[in-house]
PDB file of N, CA and C in Angstrom:
ATOM      1  N   MET A   1     127.805 129.818 103.916  1.00  0.00           N
ATOM      2  CA  MET A   1     126.875 128.707 103.757  1.00  0.00           C
ATOM      3  C   MET A   1     127.193 127.888 102.509  1.00  0.00           C
ATOM      4  N   MET A   2     127.572 128.540 101.438  1.00  0.00           N
ATOM      5  CA  MET A   2     127.889 127.844 100.199  1.00  0.00           C
ATOM      6  C   MET A   2     129.089 126.923 100.382  1.00  0.00           C
ATOM      7  N   ARG A   3     130.043 127.349 101.156  1.00  0.00           N
ATOM      8  CA  ARG A   3     131.244 126.554 101.386  1.00  0.00           C
ATOM      9  C   ARG A   3     130.921 125.258 102.131  1.00  0.00           C
ATOM     10  N   ILE A   4     130.051 125.316 103.088  1.00  0.00           N
ATOM     11  CA  ILE A   4     129.657 124.131 103.855  1.00  0.00           C
ATOM     12  C   ILE A   4     128.946 123.132 102.948  1.00  0.00           C
ATOM     13  N   ILE A   5     128.071 123.611 102.080  1.00  0.00           N
ATOM     14  CA  ILE A   5     127.355 122.725 101.166  1.00  0.00           C
ATOM     15  C   ILE A   5     128.332 122.032 100.221  1.00  0.00           C
ATOM     16  N   SER A   6     129.288 122.761  99.682  1.00  0.00           N
ATOM     17  CA  SER A   6     130.229 122.142  98.761  1.00  0.00           C
ATOM     18  C   SER A   6     131.130 121.143  99.480  1.00  0.00           C
ATOM     19  N   ILE A   7     131.463 121.409 100.725  1.00  0.00           N
ATOM     20  CA  ILE A   7     132.260 120.443 101.495  1.00  0.00           C
ATOM     21  C   ILE A   7     131.434 119.188 101.728  1.00  0.00           C
ATOM     22  N   ARG A   8     130.169 119.357 102.087  1.00  0.00           N
ATOM     23  CA  ARG A   8     129.312 118.198 102.319  1.00  0.00           C
ATOM     24  C   ARG A   8     129.149 117.374 101.043  1.00  0.00           C
ATOM     25  N   THR A   9     128.889 118.042  99.926  1.00  0.00           N
ATOM     26  CA  THR A   9     128.723 117.295  98.680  1.00  0.00           C
ATOM     27  C   THR A   9     130.030 116.629  98.272  1.00  0.00           C
ATOM     28  N   GLY A  10     131.159 117.286  98.527  1.00  0.00           N
ATOM     29  CA  GLY A  10     132.452 116.675  98.222  1.00  0.00           C
ATOM     30  C   GLY A  10     132.698 115.439  99.059  1.00  0.00           C
ATOM     31  N   VAL A  11     132.343 115.502 100.340  1.00  0.00           N
ATOM     32  CA  VAL A  11     132.499 114.348 101.232  1.00  0.00           C
ATOM     33  C   VAL A  11     131.553 113.233 100.802  1.00  0.00           C
ATOM     34  N   MET A  12     130.320 113.597 100.445  1.00  0.00           N
ATOM     35  CA  MET A  12     129.374 112.577 100.001  1.00  0.00           C
ATOM     36  C   MET A  12     129.844 111.926  98.713  1.00  0.00           C
ATOM     37  N   ALA A  13     130.367 112.709  97.789  1.00  0.00           N
ATOM     38  CA  ALA A  13     130.863 112.147  96.531  1.00  0.00           C
ATOM     39  C   ALA A  13     132.036 111.218  96.775  1.00  0.00           C
ATOM     40  N   LEU A  14     132.915 111.610  97.688  1.00  0.00           N
ATOM     41  CA  LEU A  14     134.050 110.756  98.031  1.00  0.00           C
ATOM     42  C   LEU A  14     133.562 109.451  98.652  1.00  0.00           C
ATOM     43  N   PHE A  15     132.597 109.567  99.554  1.00  0.00           N
ATOM     44  CA  PHE A  15     132.041 108.373 100.190  1.00  0.00           C
ATOM     45  C   PHE A  15     131.419 107.431  99.161  1.00  0.00           C
ATOM     46  N   PHE A  16     130.582 107.984  98.271  1.00  0.00           N
ATOM     47  CA  PHE A  16     129.924 107.159  97.266  1.00  0.00           C
ATOM     48  C   PHE A  16     130.932 106.513  96.316  1.00  0.00           C
ATOM     49  N   SER A  17     131.942 107.256  95.902  1.00  0.00           N
ATOM     50  CA  SER A  17     132.917 106.676  94.981  1.00  0.00           C
ATOM     51  C   SER A  17     133.718 105.570  95.655  1.00  0.00           C
ATOM     52  N   LEU A  18     134.065 105.755  96.940  1.00  0.00           N
ATOM     53  CA  LEU A  18     134.787 104.701  97.655  1.00  0.00           C
ATOM     54  C   LEU A  18     133.895 103.505  97.912  1.00  0.00           C
ATOM     55  N   PHE A  19     132.642 103.768  98.282  1.00  0.00           N
ATOM     56  CA  PHE A  19     131.702 102.693  98.578  1.00  0.00           C
ATOM     57  C   PHE A  19     131.409 101.854  97.343  1.00  0.00           C
ATOM     58  N   LEU A  20     131.215 102.512  96.212  1.00  0.00           N
ATOM     59  CA  LEU A  20     130.858 101.785  95.006  1.00  0.00           C
ATOM     60  C   LEU A  20     132.036 101.075  94.360  1.00  0.00           C
ATOM     61  N   SER A  21     133.250 101.564  94.566  1.00  0.00           N
ATOM     62  CA  SER A  21     134.382 100.944  93.890  1.00  0.00           C
ATOM     63  C   SER A  21     135.178 100.007  94.793  1.00  0.00           C
ATOM     64  N   ALA A  22     134.976 100.048  96.087  1.00  0.00           N
ATOM     65  CA  ALA A  22     135.781  99.232  97.002  1.00  0.00           C
ATOM     66  C   ALA A  22     135.364  97.775  96.930  1.00  0.00           C
ATOM     67  N   GLY A  23     136.236  96.938  96.390  1.00  0.00           N
ATOM     68  CA  GLY A  23     136.017  95.503  96.399  1.00  0.00           C
ATOM     69  C   GLY A  23     134.927  95.017  95.475  1.00  0.00           C
ATOM     70  N   SER A  24     134.461  95.808  94.567  1.00  0.00           N
ATOM     71  CA  SER A  24     133.415  95.340  93.665  1.00  0.00           C
ATOM     72  C   SER A  24     133.868  95.517  92.222  1.00  0.00           C
ATOM     73  N   ALA A  25     133.128  94.895  91.328  1.00  0.00           N
ATOM     74  CA  ALA A  25     133.455  94.977  89.912  1.00  0.00           C
ATOM     75  C   ALA A  25     133.007  96.313  89.321  1.00  0.00           C
ATOM     76  N   MET A  26     132.140  97.007  90.034  1.00  0.00           N
ATOM     77  CA  MET A  26     131.640  98.277  89.528  1.00  0.00           C
ATOM     78  C   MET A  26     132.487  99.411  90.083  1.00  0.00           C
ATOM     79  N   ALA A  27     132.885 100.336  89.263  1.00  0.00           N
ATOM     80  CA  ALA A  27     133.607 101.524  89.691  1.00  0.00           C
ATOM     81  C   ALA A  27     133.042 102.721  88.955  1.00  0.00           C
ATOM     82  N   ALA A  28     132.939 103.838  89.653  1.00  0.00           N
ATOM     83  CA  ALA A  28     132.397 105.038  89.036  1.00  0.00           C
ATOM     84  C   ALA A  28     133.360 105.538  87.969  1.00  0.00           C
ATOM     85  N   THR A  29     132.829 105.829  86.777  1.00  0.00           N
ATOM     86  CA  THR A  29     133.681 106.339  85.712  1.00  0.00           C
ATOM     87  C   THR A  29     133.732 107.849  85.718  1.00  0.00           C
ATOM     88  N   HIS A  30     132.677 108.493  86.244  1.00  0.00           N
ATOM     89  CA  HIS A  30     132.657 109.947  86.267  1.00  0.00           C
ATOM     90  C   HIS A  30     131.792 110.417  87.428  1.00  0.00           C
ATOM     91  N   ILE A  31     132.313 111.362  88.192  1.00  0.00           N
ATOM     92  CA  ILE A  31     131.545 111.954  89.284  1.00  0.00           C
ATOM     93  C   ILE A  31     131.475 113.453  89.028  1.00  0.00           C
ATOM     94  N   ASP A  32     130.257 113.979  88.947  1.00  0.00           N
ATOM     95  CA  ASP A  32     130.047 115.393  88.715  1.00  0.00           C
ATOM     96  C   ASP A  32     129.449 115.997  89.976  1.00  0.00           C
ATOM     97  N   ILE A  33     130.134 116.997  90.538  1.00  0.00           N
ATOM     98  CA  ILE A  33     129.685 117.610  91.778  1.00  0.00           C
ATOM     99  C   ILE A  33     129.307 119.054  91.494  1.00  0.00           C
ATOM    100  N   SER A  34     128.087 119.399  91.848  1.00  0.00           N
ATOM    101  CA  SER A  34     127.648 120.787  91.798  1.00  0.00           C
ATOM    102  C   SER A  34     127.103 121.118  93.180  1.00  0.00           C
ATOM    103  N   PRO A  35     126.904 122.396  93.499  1.00  0.00           N
ATOM    104  CA  PRO A  35     126.444 122.734  94.844  1.00  0.00           C
ATOM    105  C   PRO A  35     125.108 122.113  95.232  1.00  0.00           C
ATOM    106  N   LYS A  36     124.265 121.769  94.269  1.00  0.00           N
ATOM    107  CA  LYS A  36     122.951 121.239  94.606  1.00  0.00           C
ATOM    108  C   LYS A  36     122.767 119.753  94.321  1.00  0.00           C
ATOM    109  N   SER A  37     123.664 119.149  93.546  1.00  0.00           N
ATOM    110  CA  SER A  37     123.455 117.739  93.208  1.00  0.00           C
ATOM    111  C   SER A  37     124.775 117.029  92.954  1.00  0.00           C
ATOM    112  N   ILE A  38     124.695 115.721  92.995  1.00  0.00           N
ATOM    113  CA  ILE A  38     125.835 114.864  92.691  1.00  0.00           C
ATOM    114  C   ILE A  38     125.396 113.897  91.608  1.00  0.00           C
ATOM    115  N   SER A  39     126.190 113.763  90.564  1.00  0.00           N
ATOM    116  CA  SER A  39     125.891 112.845  89.485  1.00  0.00           C
ATOM    117  C   SER A  39     127.031 111.834  89.387  1.00  0.00           C
ATOM    118  N   ILE A  40     126.694 110.570  89.459  1.00  0.00           N
ATOM    119  CA  ILE A  40     127.696 109.508  89.358  1.00  0.00           C
ATOM    120  C   ILE A  40     127.326 108.618  88.185  1.00  0.00           C
ATOM    121  N   GLU A  41     128.223 108.481  87.215  1.00  0.00           N
ATOM    122  CA  GLU A  41     127.991 107.617  86.067  1.00  0.00           C
ATOM    123  C   GLU A  41     128.660 106.276  86.322  1.00  0.00           C
ATOM    124  N   MET A  42     127.913 105.206  86.091  1.00  0.00           N
ATOM    125  CA  MET A  42     128.422 103.858  86.311  1.00  0.00           C
ATOM    126  C   MET A  42     128.419 103.105  84.992  1.00  0.00           C
ATOM    127  N   PRO A  43     129.427 102.293  84.737  1.00  0.00           N
ATOM    128  CA  PRO A  43     129.423 101.490  83.508  1.00  0.00           C
ATOM    129  C   PRO A  43     128.401 100.364  83.604  1.00  0.00           C
ATOM    130  N   TYR A  44     127.888  99.945  82.457  1.00  0.00           N
ATOM    131  CA  TYR A  44     126.952  98.826  82.424  1.00  0.00           C
ATOM    132  C   TYR A  44     127.736  97.521  82.437  1.00  0.00           C
ATOM    133  N   LYS A  45     127.417  96.666  83.359  1.00  0.00           N
ATOM    134  CA  LYS A  45     128.089  95.372  83.475  1.00  0.00           C
ATOM    135  C   LYS A  45     127.061  94.268  83.283  1.00  0.00           C
ATOM    136  N   THR A  46     127.439  93.225  82.580  1.00  0.00           N
ATOM    137  CA  THR A  46     126.581  92.050  82.461  1.00  0.00           C
ATOM    138  C   THR A  46     127.174  90.966  83.347  1.00  0.00           C
ATOM    139  N   ASP A  47     126.864  91.057  84.602  1.00  0.00           N
ATOM    140  CA  ASP A  47     127.341  90.107  85.591  1.00  0.00           C
ATOM    141  C   ASP A  47     126.112  89.439  86.199  1.00  0.00           C
ATOM    142  N   SER A  48     126.279  88.655  87.251  1.00  0.00           N
ATOM    143  CA  SER A  48     125.155  87.922  87.827  1.00  0.00           C
ATOM    144  C   SER A  48     124.072  88.857  88.351  1.00  0.00           C
ATOM    145  N   TYR A  49     124.426  90.078  88.748  1.00  0.00           N
ATOM    146  CA  TYR A  49     123.410  91.000  89.247  1.00  0.00           C
ATOM    147  C   TYR A  49     122.571  91.580  88.116  1.00  0.00           C
ATOM    148  N   ALA A  50     122.963  91.386  86.870  1.00  0.00           N
ATOM    149  CA  ALA A  50     122.225  91.918  85.734  1.00  0.00           C
ATOM    150  C   ALA A  50     121.380  90.849  85.049  1.00  0.00           C
ATOM    151  N   LEU A  51     121.247  89.672  85.618  1.00  0.00           N
ATOM    152  CA  LEU A  51     120.473  88.604  85.009  1.00  0.00           C
ATOM    153  C   LEU A  51     118.982  88.839  85.209  1.00  0.00           C
ATOM    154  N   THR A  52     118.202  88.390  84.257  1.00  0.00           N
ATOM    155  CA  THR A  52     116.754  88.462  84.387  1.00  0.00           C
ATOM    156  C   THR A  52     116.301  87.369  85.352  1.00  0.00           C
ATOM    157  N   PRO A  53     115.097  87.487  85.906  1.00  0.00           N
ATOM    158  CA  PRO A  53     114.601  86.446  86.815  1.00  0.00           C
ATOM    159  C   PRO A  53     114.555  85.062  86.169  1.00  0.00           C
ATOM    160  N   THR A  54     114.248  85.000  84.866  1.00  0.00           N
ATOM    161  CA  THR A  54     114.217  83.715  84.172  1.00  0.00           C
ATOM    162  C   THR A  54     115.606  83.094  84.114  1.00  0.00           C
ATOM    163  N   GLN A  55     116.633  83.916  83.852  1.00  0.00           N
ATOM    164  CA  GLN A  55     118.002  83.412  83.806  1.00  0.00           C
ATOM    165  C   GLN A  55     118.460  82.937  85.183  1.00  0.00           C
ATOM    166  N   LYS A  56     118.085  83.666  86.228  1.00  0.00           N
ATOM    167  CA  LYS A  56     118.448  83.249  87.584  1.00  0.00           C
ATOM    168  C   LYS A  56     117.788  81.915  87.922  1.00  0.00           C
ATOM    169  N   PHE A  57     116.514  81.761  87.531  1.00  0.00           N
ATOM    170  CA  PHE A  57     115.800  80.522  87.792  1.00  0.00           C
ATOM    171  C   PHE A  57     116.453  79.356  87.057  1.00  0.00           C
ATOM    172  N   ALA A  58     116.859  79.588  85.815  1.00  0.00           N
ATOM    173  CA  ALA A  58     117.473  78.528  85.015  1.00  0.00           C
ATOM    174  C   ALA A  58     118.805  78.094  85.613  1.00  0.00           C
ATOM    175  N   GLN A  59     119.522  78.983  86.254  1.00  0.00           N
ATOM    176  CA  GLN A  59     120.803  78.631  86.855  1.00  0.00           C
ATOM    177  C   GLN A  59     120.628  77.728  88.065  1.00  0.00           C
ATOM    178  N   LYS A  60     119.512  77.809  88.737  1.00  0.00           N
ATOM    179  CA  LYS A  60     119.330  77.088  89.978  1.00  0.00           C
ATOM    180  C   LYS A  60     118.855  75.649  89.793  1.00  0.00           C
ATOM    181  N   GLN A  61     118.555  75.237  88.582  1.00  0.00           N
ATOM    182  CA  GLN A  61     118.017  73.905  88.366  1.00  0.00           C
ATOM    183  C   GLN A  61     119.134  72.860  88.337  1.00  0.00           C
ATOM    184  N   ILE A  62     118.796  71.654  88.792  1.00  0.00           N
ATOM    185  CA  ILE A  62     119.768  70.570  88.767  1.00  0.00           C
ATOM    186  C   ILE A  62     119.871  70.014  87.348  1.00  0.00           C
ATOM    187  N   SER A  63     120.963  69.350  87.068  1.00  0.00           N
ATOM    188  CA  SER A  63     121.177  68.787  85.734  1.00  0.00           C
ATOM    189  C   SER A  63     120.439  67.455  85.599  1.00  0.00           C
ATOM    190  N   PRO A  64     120.198  67.013  84.364  1.00  0.00           N
ATOM    191  CA  PRO A  64     119.575  65.701  84.163  1.00  0.00           C
ATOM    192  C   PRO A  64     120.432  64.567  84.750  1.00  0.00           C
ATOM    193  N   ALA A  65     121.750  64.695  84.679  1.00  0.00           N
ATOM    194  CA  ALA A  65     122.629  63.664  85.245  1.00  0.00           C
ATOM    195  C   ALA A  65     122.459  63.573  86.756  1.00  0.00           C
ATOM    196  N   LYS A  66     122.285  64.724  87.402  1.00  0.00           N
ATOM    197  CA  LYS A  66     122.068  64.737  88.857  1.00  0.00           C
ATOM    198  C   LYS A  66     120.723  64.101  89.197  1.00  0.00           C
ATOM    199  N   ALA A  67     119.692  64.385  88.398  1.00  0.00           N
ATOM    200  CA  ALA A  67     118.379  63.779  88.616  1.00  0.00           C
ATOM    201  C   ALA A  67     118.462  62.261  88.466  1.00  0.00           C
ATOM    202  N   LYS A  68     119.225  61.809  87.480  1.00  0.00           N
ATOM    203  CA  LYS A  68     119.404  60.365  87.266  1.00  0.00           C
ATOM    204  C   LYS A  68     120.087  59.724  88.472  1.00  0.00           C
ATOM    205  N   SER A  69     121.131  60.363  88.999  1.00  0.00           N
ATOM    206  CA  SER A  69     121.838  59.782  90.147  1.00  0.00           C
ATOM    207  C   SER A  69     120.964  59.779  91.400  1.00  0.00           C
ATOM    208  N   ILE A  70     120.131  60.812  91.567  1.00  0.00           N
ATOM    209  CA  ILE A  70     119.213  60.839  92.713  1.00  0.00           C
ATOM    210  C   ILE A  70     118.219  59.685  92.616  1.00  0.00           C
ATOM    211  N   ALA A  71     117.675  59.466  91.413  1.00  0.00           N
ATOM    212  CA  ALA A  71     116.696  58.395  91.226  1.00  0.00           C
ATOM    213  C   ALA A  71     117.317  57.027  91.456  1.00  0.00           C
ATOM    214  N   LEU A  72     118.522  56.823  90.930  1.00  0.00           N
ATOM    215  CA  LEU A  72     119.174  55.515  91.111  1.00  0.00           C
ATOM    216  C   LEU A  72     119.563  55.269  92.565  1.00  0.00           C
ATOM    217  N   SER A  73     119.804  56.335  93.319  1.00  0.00           N
ATOM    218  CA  SER A  73     120.116  56.147  94.738  1.00  0.00           C
ATOM    219  C   SER A  73     118.878  55.760  95.538  1.00  0.00           C
ATOM    220  N   ARG A  74     117.695  56.041  95.007  1.00  0.00           N
ATOM    221  CA  ARG A  74     116.448  55.692  95.695  1.00  0.00           C
ATOM    222  C   ARG A  74     115.995  54.258  95.431  1.00  0.00           C
ATOM    223  N   VAL A  75     116.459  53.657  94.343  1.00  0.00           N
ATOM    224  CA  VAL A  75     116.052  52.291  93.990  1.00  0.00           C
ATOM    225  C   VAL A  75     117.302  51.411  94.015  1.00  0.00           C
ATOM    226  N   ARG A  76     117.405  50.549  95.026  1.00  0.00           N
ATOM    227  CA  ARG A  76     118.581  49.680  95.132  1.00  0.00           C
ATOM    228  C   ARG A  76     118.638  48.687  93.993  1.00  0.00           C
ATOM    229  N   GLY A  77     119.779  48.650  93.351  1.00  0.00           N
ATOM    230  CA  GLY A  77     119.953  47.725  92.245  1.00  0.00           C
ATOM    231  C   GLY A  77     119.152  48.094  91.024  1.00  0.00           C
ATOM    232  N   GLY A  78     118.668  49.331  90.976  1.00  0.00           N
ATOM    233  CA  GLY A  78     117.848  49.771  89.861  1.00  0.00           C
ATOM    234  C   GLY A  78     118.684  50.045  88.621  1.00  0.00           C
ATOM    235  N   GLU A  79     118.010  49.939  87.473  1.00  0.00           N
ATOM    236  CA  GLU A  79     118.666  50.185  86.197  1.00  0.00           C
ATOM    237  C   GLU A  79     117.940  51.334  85.508  1.00  0.00           C
ATOM    238  N   TYR A  80     118.717  52.316  85.089  1.00  0.00           N
ATOM    239  CA  TYR A  80     118.158  53.501  84.429  1.00  0.00           C
ATOM    240  C   TYR A  80     117.526  53.104  83.098  1.00  0.00           C
ATOM    241  N   VAL A  81     116.310  53.624  82.837  1.00  0.00           N
ATOM    242  CA  VAL A  81     115.610  53.343  81.589  1.00  0.00           C
ATOM    243  C   VAL A  81     115.427  54.616  80.766  1.00  0.00           C
ATOM    244  N   ASP A  82     114.868  55.675  81.381  1.00  0.00           N
ATOM    245  CA  ASP A  82     114.519  56.871  80.619  1.00  0.00           C
ATOM    246  C   ASP A  82     114.447  58.078  81.555  1.00  0.00           C
ATOM    247  N   LEU A  83     114.595  59.275  80.951  1.00  0.00           N
ATOM    248  CA  LEU A  83     114.461  60.514  81.712  1.00  0.00           C
ATOM    249  C   LEU A  83     113.774  61.537  80.825  1.00  0.00           C
ATOM    250  N   ARG A  84     112.815  62.245  81.392  1.00  0.00           N
ATOM    251  CA  ARG A  84     112.177  63.344  80.661  1.00  0.00           C
ATOM    252  C   ARG A  84     111.876  64.466  81.641  1.00  0.00           C
ATOM    253  N   LYS A  85     111.756  65.671  81.101  1.00  0.00           N
ATOM    254  CA  LYS A  85     111.460  66.827  81.942  1.00  0.00           C
ATOM    255  C   LYS A  85     110.081  67.348  81.584  1.00  0.00           C
ATOM    256  N   THR A  86     109.236  67.486  82.586  1.00  0.00           N
ATOM    257  CA  THR A  86     107.905  68.043  82.390  1.00  0.00           C
ATOM    258  C   THR A  86     107.731  69.175  83.393  1.00  0.00           C
ATOM    259  N   GLY A  87     107.645  70.381  82.888  1.00  0.00           N
ATOM    260  CA  GLY A  87     107.496  71.542  83.766  1.00  0.00           C
ATOM    261  C   GLY A  87     108.732  71.728  84.625  1.00  0.00           C
ATOM    262  N   ASN A  88     108.536  71.720  85.924  1.00  0.00           N
ATOM    263  CA  ASN A  88     109.630  71.912  86.866  1.00  0.00           C
ATOM    264  C   ASN A  88     110.066  70.587  87.488  1.00  0.00           C
ATOM    265  N   PHE A  89     109.761  69.478  86.840  1.00  0.00           N
ATOM    266  CA  PHE A  89     110.100  68.166  87.384  1.00  0.00           C
ATOM    267  C   PHE A  89     110.808  67.304  86.352  1.00  0.00           C
ATOM    268  N   TYR A  90     111.702  66.484  86.841  1.00  0.00           N
ATOM    269  CA  TYR A  90     112.280  65.416  86.037  1.00  0.00           C
ATOM    270  C   TYR A  90     111.527  64.146  86.395  1.00  0.00           C
ATOM    271  N   ILE A  91     111.147  63.377  85.389  1.00  0.00           N
ATOM    272  CA  ILE A  91     110.551  62.059  85.595  1.00  0.00           C
ATOM    273  C   ILE A  91     111.609  61.052  85.145  1.00  0.00           C
ATOM    274  N   VAL A  92     112.126  60.292  86.092  1.00  0.00           N
ATOM    275  CA  VAL A  92     113.166  59.304  85.792  1.00  0.00           C
ATOM    276  C   VAL A  92     112.536  57.920  85.891  1.00  0.00           C
ATOM    277  N   ARG A  93     112.631  57.167  84.815  1.00  0.00           N
ATOM    278  CA  ARG A  93     112.080  55.812  84.775  1.00  0.00           C
ATOM    279  C   ARG A  93     113.202  54.832  85.094  1.00  0.00           C
ATOM    280  N   VAL A  94     112.970  53.978  86.114  1.00  0.00           N
ATOM    281  CA  VAL A  94     113.975  53.029  86.597  1.00  0.00           C
ATOM    282  C   VAL A  94     113.356  51.639  86.651  1.00  0.00           C
ATOM    283  N   ARG A  95     114.136  50.624  86.238  1.00  0.00           N
ATOM    284  CA  ARG A  95     113.698  49.232  86.341  1.00  0.00           C
ATOM    285  C   ARG A  95     114.265  48.650  87.639  1.00  0.00           C
ATOM    286  N   THR A  96     113.404  48.098  88.476  1.00  0.00           N
ATOM    287  CA  THR A  96     113.853  47.509  89.740  1.00  0.00           C
ATOM    288  C   THR A  96     114.449  46.124  89.492  1.00  0.00           C
ATOM    289  N   ARG A  97     115.021  45.523  90.552  1.00  0.00           N
ATOM    290  CA  ARG A  97     115.632  44.189  90.428  1.00  0.00           C
ATOM    291  C   ARG A  97     114.633  43.118  90.011  1.00  0.00           C
ATOM    292  N   ASP A  98     113.390  43.285  90.476  1.00  0.00           N
ATOM    293  CA  ASP A  98     112.383  42.279  90.132  1.00  0.00           C
ATOM    294  C   ASP A  98     111.676  42.578  88.807  1.00  0.00           C
ATOM    295  N   GLY A  99     112.145  43.570  88.053  1.00  0.00           N
ATOM    296  CA  GLY A  99     111.635  43.820  86.710  1.00  0.00           C
ATOM    297  C   GLY A  99     110.543  44.865  86.600  1.00  0.00           C
ATOM    298  N   ARG A 100     110.085  45.396  87.725  1.00  0.00           N
ATOM    299  CA  ARG A 100     109.047  46.427  87.662  1.00  0.00           C
ATOM    300  C   ARG A 100     109.643  47.742  87.169  1.00  0.00           C
ATOM    301  N   ILE A 101     108.824  48.539  86.492  1.00  0.00           N
ATOM    302  CA  ILE A 101     109.222  49.876  86.049  1.00  0.00           C
ATOM    303  C   ILE A 101     108.630  50.891  87.022  1.00  0.00           C
ATOM    304  N   VAL A 102     109.499  51.768  87.537  1.00  0.00           N
ATOM    305  CA  VAL A 102     109.082  52.768  88.514  1.00  0.00           C
ATOM    306  C   VAL A 102     109.430  54.156  87.968  1.00  0.00           C
ATOM    307  N   ASP A 103     108.469  55.071  88.042  1.00  0.00           N
ATOM    308  CA  ASP A 103     108.728  56.470  87.690  1.00  0.00           C
ATOM    309  C   ASP A 103     108.995  57.255  88.963  1.00  0.00           C
ATOM    310  N   ILE A 104     110.113  57.955  88.990  1.00  0.00           N
ATOM    311  CA  ILE A 104     110.484  58.758  90.149  1.00  0.00           C
ATOM    312  C   ILE A 104     110.432  60.221  89.725  1.00  0.00           C
ATOM    313  N   LYS A 105     109.649  61.012  90.454  1.00  0.00           N
ATOM    314  CA  LYS A 105     109.458  62.424  90.143  1.00  0.00           C
ATOM    315  C   LYS A 105     110.393  63.254  91.025  1.00  0.00           C
ATOM    316  N   ILE A 106     111.269  64.049  90.380  1.00  0.00           N
ATOM    317  CA  ILE A 106     112.277  64.824  91.100  1.00  0.00           C
ATOM    318  C   ILE A 106     112.098  66.301  90.765  1.00  0.00           C
ATOM    319  N   ASP A 107     112.023  67.123  91.817  1.00  0.00           N
ATOM    320  CA  ASP A 107     111.920  68.575  91.634  1.00  0.00           C
ATOM    321  C   ASP A 107     113.205  69.086  90.994  1.00  0.00           C
ATOM    322  N   ALA A 108     113.089  69.789  89.872  1.00  0.00           N
ATOM    323  CA  ALA A 108     114.258  70.245  89.122  1.00  0.00           C
ATOM    324  C   ALA A 108     115.003  71.376  89.831  1.00  0.00           C
ATOM    325  N   THR A 109     114.355  72.079  90.726  1.00  0.00           N
ATOM    326  CA  THR A 109     115.011  73.170  91.438  1.00  0.00           C
ATOM    327  C   THR A 109     115.712  72.693  92.695  1.00  0.00           C
ATOM    328  N   THR A 110     115.026  71.874  93.499  1.00  0.00           N
ATOM    329  CA  THR A 110     115.590  71.467  94.788  1.00  0.00           C
ATOM    330  C   THR A 110     116.257  70.092  94.753  1.00  0.00           C
ATOM    331  N   GLY A 111     115.868  69.244  93.816  1.00  0.00           N
ATOM    332  CA  GLY A 111     116.399  67.889  93.771  1.00  0.00           C
ATOM    333  C   GLY A 111     115.682  66.929  94.701  1.00  0.00           C
ATOM    334  N   ARG A 112     114.595  67.359  95.289  1.00  0.00           N
ATOM    335  CA  ARG A 112     113.830  66.493  96.201  1.00  0.00           C
ATOM    336  C   ARG A 112     112.934  65.543  95.423  1.00  0.00           C
ATOM    337  N   VAL A 113     112.793  64.352  95.944  1.00  0.00           N
ATOM    338  CA  VAL A 113     111.918  63.343  95.342  1.00  0.00           C
ATOM    339  C   VAL A 113     110.495  63.604  95.814  1.00  0.00           C
ATOM    340  N   LYS A 114     109.572  63.660  94.888  1.00  0.00           N
ATOM    341  CA  LYS A 114     108.148  63.904  95.206  1.00  0.00           C
ATOM    342  C   LYS A 114     107.362  62.626  95.159  1.00  0.00           C
TER     343      LYS A 114
END
């Protein structure tokens, strides 16, 4: 019975080491096999999977230049005046051809005009 357990744990350890190291940046540095447990040590990586939710959210936002181009594409012949960010929105101020000032509200995450 002991032999079967050690074969099973050996096969499981082999599977886990191949699964974790195949094609990924993470590779097991140490695998400890005992008859009752398997211990796998993994190195700490600071990659995209280790980002905090705030960092992930910040990566998804559009740039101010992109917000400016979206606003200018909505107003034909418009001239850029000002841009500010309030919360999760960019407010782009554009002067129209007839001289009116228009504020265009753009979602900073999706780039949609509100």
